[in-house]
């Protein structure tokens, strides 16, 4: 999984979102000292929300790409504090999600334990996609 600084993510936000949305790649966002959040596909976010059986994590809030350009550091800080998930939109299209590190750690743990592709297909079927 690639790591990217908040500044680099801000400079390259459009390209980063395209890679995540189209290639389903995940990126860990770091500041000068530690990994703080992650950008991942909306499919991964749907899986996380399905696994959140106890409802301990609030539903993701939407933020459009244009406004995110100037607020990325703040949104990453909110995710890093484990208080929020964000769905990044471009027009009507959901491009990616910004999530806390605990979420990406859970997904990485699942990657090694289950067939994540099969789980995503099952989730799509349940969601009628």
Protein backbone atom coordinates (compact mmCIF):
# COMPACT_ATOMS: atom_id res chain seq x y z
CA UNK A 1 0.00 0.00 0.00
CA UNK A 2 1.38 3.38 -1.00
CA UNK A 3 1.91 6.19 1.47
CA UNK A 4 1.40 9.83 0.60
CA UNK A 5 1.75 13.04 2.57
CA UNK A 6 -1.20 15.35 3.13
CA UNK A 7 0.56 18.04 1.07
CA UNK A 8 1.22 15.65 -1.82
CA UNK A 9 -2.36 14.38 -1.66
CA UNK A 10 -3.65 17.96 -1.81
CA UNK A 11 -1.46 18.81 -4.82
CA UNK A 12 -2.49 15.66 -6.68
CA UNK A 13 -6.04 15.21 -5.40
CA UNK A 14 -7.75 14.76 -8.78
CA UNK A 15 -5.26 12.12 -9.95
CA UNK A 16 -5.32 10.39 -6.57
CA UNK A 17 -9.11 10.14 -6.63
CA UNK A 18 -9.03 8.77 -10.19
CA UNK A 19 -6.57 6.05 -9.20
CA UNK A 20 -8.61 5.05 -6.16
CA UNK A 21 -11.94 5.13 -8.01
CA UNK A 22 -10.76 3.30 -11.12
CA UNK A 23 -7.97 1.10 -9.87
CA UNK A 24 -9.36 0.37 -6.43
CA UNK A 25 -5.96 1.14 -4.91
CA UNK A 26 -5.66 2.29 -1.29
CA UNK A 27 -3.38 5.07 -0.04
CA UNK A 28 -2.27 5.79 3.51
CA UNK A 29 -1.97 9.49 4.27
CA UNK A 30 0.78 10.52 6.64
CA UNK A 31 1.97 13.67 8.29
CA UNK A 32 5.56 14.31 9.27
CA UNK A 33 5.56 11.68 12.03
CA UNK A 34 2.90 9.02 11.45
CA UNK A 35 0.23 7.43 9.30
CA UNK A 36 -3.01 9.25 10.10
CA UNK A 37 -5.77 8.24 7.66
CA UNK A 38 -6.40 6.46 4.37
CA UNK A 39 -8.09 7.03 1.03
CA UNK A 40 -9.84 3.97 -0.30
CA UNK A 41 -12.58 2.92 -2.68
CA UNK A 42 -16.25 3.36 -1.90
CA UNK A 43 -16.56 -0.43 -2.20
CA UNK A 44 -14.12 -0.75 0.69
CA UNK A 45 -16.16 1.82 2.63
CA UNK A 46 -19.36 -0.14 2.00
CA UNK A 47 -17.65 -3.25 3.36
CA UNK A 48 -16.52 -1.34 6.45
CA UNK A 49 -20.02 -0.01 7.06
CA UNK A 50 -21.47 -3.50 6.68
CA UNK A 51 -18.97 -4.84 9.22
CA UNK A 52 -19.81 -2.03 11.66
CA UNK A 53 -22.52 -4.13 13.29
CA UNK A 54 -22.73 -2.11 16.49
CA UNK A 55 -22.99 1.23 14.69
CA UNK A 56 -19.98 2.58 16.56
CA UNK A 57 -18.82 4.59 13.56
CA UNK A 58 -21.01 7.37 12.20
CA UNK A 59 -22.21 7.17 8.62
CA UNK A 60 -19.84 8.84 6.20
CA UNK A 61 -20.43 12.47 5.30
CA UNK A 62 -20.19 13.59 1.68
CA UNK A 63 -17.72 16.23 0.60
CA UNK A 64 -17.30 17.38 -2.98
CA UNK A 65 -13.88 17.31 -4.58
CA UNK A 66 -13.73 21.07 -5.14
CA UNK A 67 -14.32 21.98 -1.51
CA UNK A 68 -12.03 19.17 -0.36
CA UNK A 69 -9.11 20.70 -2.26
CA UNK A 70 -8.91 23.47 0.33
CA UNK A 71 -9.96 21.33 3.31
CA UNK A 72 -8.06 18.08 2.88
CA UNK A 73 -5.80 18.61 5.89
CA UNK A 74 -8.81 19.31 8.12
CA UNK A 75 -10.76 16.28 6.84
CA UNK A 76 -7.74 14.04 7.29
CA UNK A 77 -7.33 15.34 10.85
CA UNK A 78 -10.99 14.54 11.59
CA UNK A 79 -10.56 11.03 10.21
CA UNK A 80 -7.30 10.62 12.13
CA UNK A 81 -9.13 11.42 15.36
CA UNK A 82 -11.39 8.43 14.56
CA UNK A 83 -14.40 10.70 14.50
CA UNK A 84 -15.42 10.76 10.86
CA UNK A 85 -15.44 9.04 7.49
CA UNK A 86 -15.87 11.09 4.30
CA UNK A 87 -17.13 10.15 0.85
CA UNK A 88 -15.50 12.31 -1.81
CA UNK A 89 -17.80 13.11 -4.72
CA UNK A 90 -17.24 14.53 -8.18
CA UNK A 91 -20.58 15.74 -9.39
CA UNK A 92 -22.95 12.86 -8.66
CA UNK A 93 -20.20 10.21 -8.67
CA UNK A 94 -18.75 8.85 -5.44
CA UNK A 95 -15.01 8.73 -6.08
CA UNK A 96 -13.37 7.56 -2.86
CA UNK A 97 -13.53 7.64 0.92
CA UNK A 98 -11.27 9.12 3.58
CA UNK A 99 -11.23 6.95 6.70
CA UNK A 100 -9.38 6.57 10.02
CA UNK A 101 -6.31 4.34 10.20
CA UNK A 102 -8.21 1.77 12.28
CA UNK A 103 -10.47 1.18 9.26
CA UNK A 104 -7.62 0.52 6.85
CA UNK A 105 -5.95 -1.71 9.43
CA UNK A 106 -9.16 -3.75 9.67
CA UNK A 107 -9.33 -4.11 5.88
CA UNK A 108 -5.70 -5.15 5.63
CA UNK A 109 -6.36 -7.76 8.31
CA UNK A 110 -9.37 -9.01 6.36
CA UNK A 111 -7.38 -9.15 3.14
CA UNK A 112 -5.29 -11.92 4.63
CA UNK A 113 -8.24 -13.82 6.10
CA UNK A 114 -10.96 -13.79 3.46
CA UNK A 115 -11.39 -13.54 -0.24
CA UNK A 116 -12.04 -9.80 -0.30
CA UNK A 117 -13.12 -9.86 -3.94
CA UNK A 118 -15.80 -12.45 -3.13
CA UNK A 119 -16.93 -10.41 -0.13
CA UNK A 120 -17.26 -7.30 -2.31
CA UNK A 121 -19.30 -9.23 -4.90
CA UNK A 122 -21.62 -10.47 -2.16
CA UNK A 123 -21.96 -6.93 -0.82
CA UNK A 124 -22.76 -5.62 -4.33
CA UNK A 125 -25.39 -8.31 -4.70
CA UNK A 126 -26.95 -7.35 -1.37
CA UNK A 127 -26.96 -3.69 -2.38
CA UNK A 128 -28.52 -4.52 -5.75
CA UNK A 129 -25.59 -3.39 -7.90
